[in-house]
Amino acid sequence: MRALRKMALLSIGTSVVTIALKFGAWFITGSVSLWSDALESLVNLAAGVVALGAITLAEQPADERHTYGHDKAEYFSSGVEGALIVVAAVAIGWSALHRLVEPQPLEHLGPGILVSFLAGVANFATARVMLKVARQHDSITIEADAKHLLTDVWTSVGILGGLGVVMFVPQWAIIDPLMAIAVGAHIVVTGVGLLRRSVDGLMDAALPPDEVRRATEAIRAALPPEASFHALRTRKAGARRFVELHLLVPGTTTVESSHALCDRIEAALAAELPKAHVTIHVEPRETQAPHR
């Protein structure tokens, strides 16, 4: 968890730097699209702070009130970030529409573009590092924050390209508010995706089909010919995966043998799925119709 906390702090630090650069670029140029880019960086900062809090809470051990731990705190973080992104998109769209109605000249585009470009480079470098760590630790919070930074990078690229055109063809200044509207629409998609993923986690959605398939194959490979299983259920909380199943064995099987078989199944699942917590209910085969 120390690595994840470092990534959250890195995100916060980068956001502070890019906010200063992007608002500086907006102040120099008066570009509404650069203002929209700066506003998105404010969301990045808020998301980084929320992520740090969620990671700190998620690493707390289980207690009497939270016997399954605090891993789901990461889903709250992702959900808050998604909501903030949508709010920012609405503000961006409103400002862009106002600029369409009341156009204003853009000034000093060259220096403004350079300053914004430096902010984009900082975001890109930070996002790549964060994604690598997020995959290593299977953290939805750091992954969401990193993907948001990457979204910011690509929207910045689009904005800078549009402003580059305006710099050489000033009569096409309408590109500026249009690019801001495009930025707003793009980040809405990102925000809705984060909200959906958070809801899935909080509603205990099943693991992805590929992981369910791997879990099923691992269980079958560990079973002796006379055993079978059914009622397989899966879910995920933060980086932890939960797998539950009913194991069917002959009624004459001893407790010791059943326990040893459960241990083999748990080991097989742990080898296939990182941080898997397995619950197995043993039943006599004669009382159930087998489902292999």
Foldseek 3Di string as FASTA:
>chain_A
DVVQLVLLVLQLVLLVLLLVLLVVLCVQWVFLLSVLLSLLSVLLNVLSVQLNVLVVQQPDQADPVRNVGSLLSLLVSLLVSLVSLLVSLVVLLVVLVVCVVPPDATPPNPVSLVSNVVSLVSLLVSLVVLCVVCVVQVFPSSPLSSVSSVLSNVLSVVQSVQSVVCVVVVVVSNSRSVSSNVSSVSSNVSSVVSNVVSVCQVVFPFDPPVLVVQLQVLLVVLDDPQKAWDPWTWGDRGQAIEIEIEIEHAPPDDPVRVVVSVVSSVVSSCVRGPNYDYHYHYDYNVVDDGDD
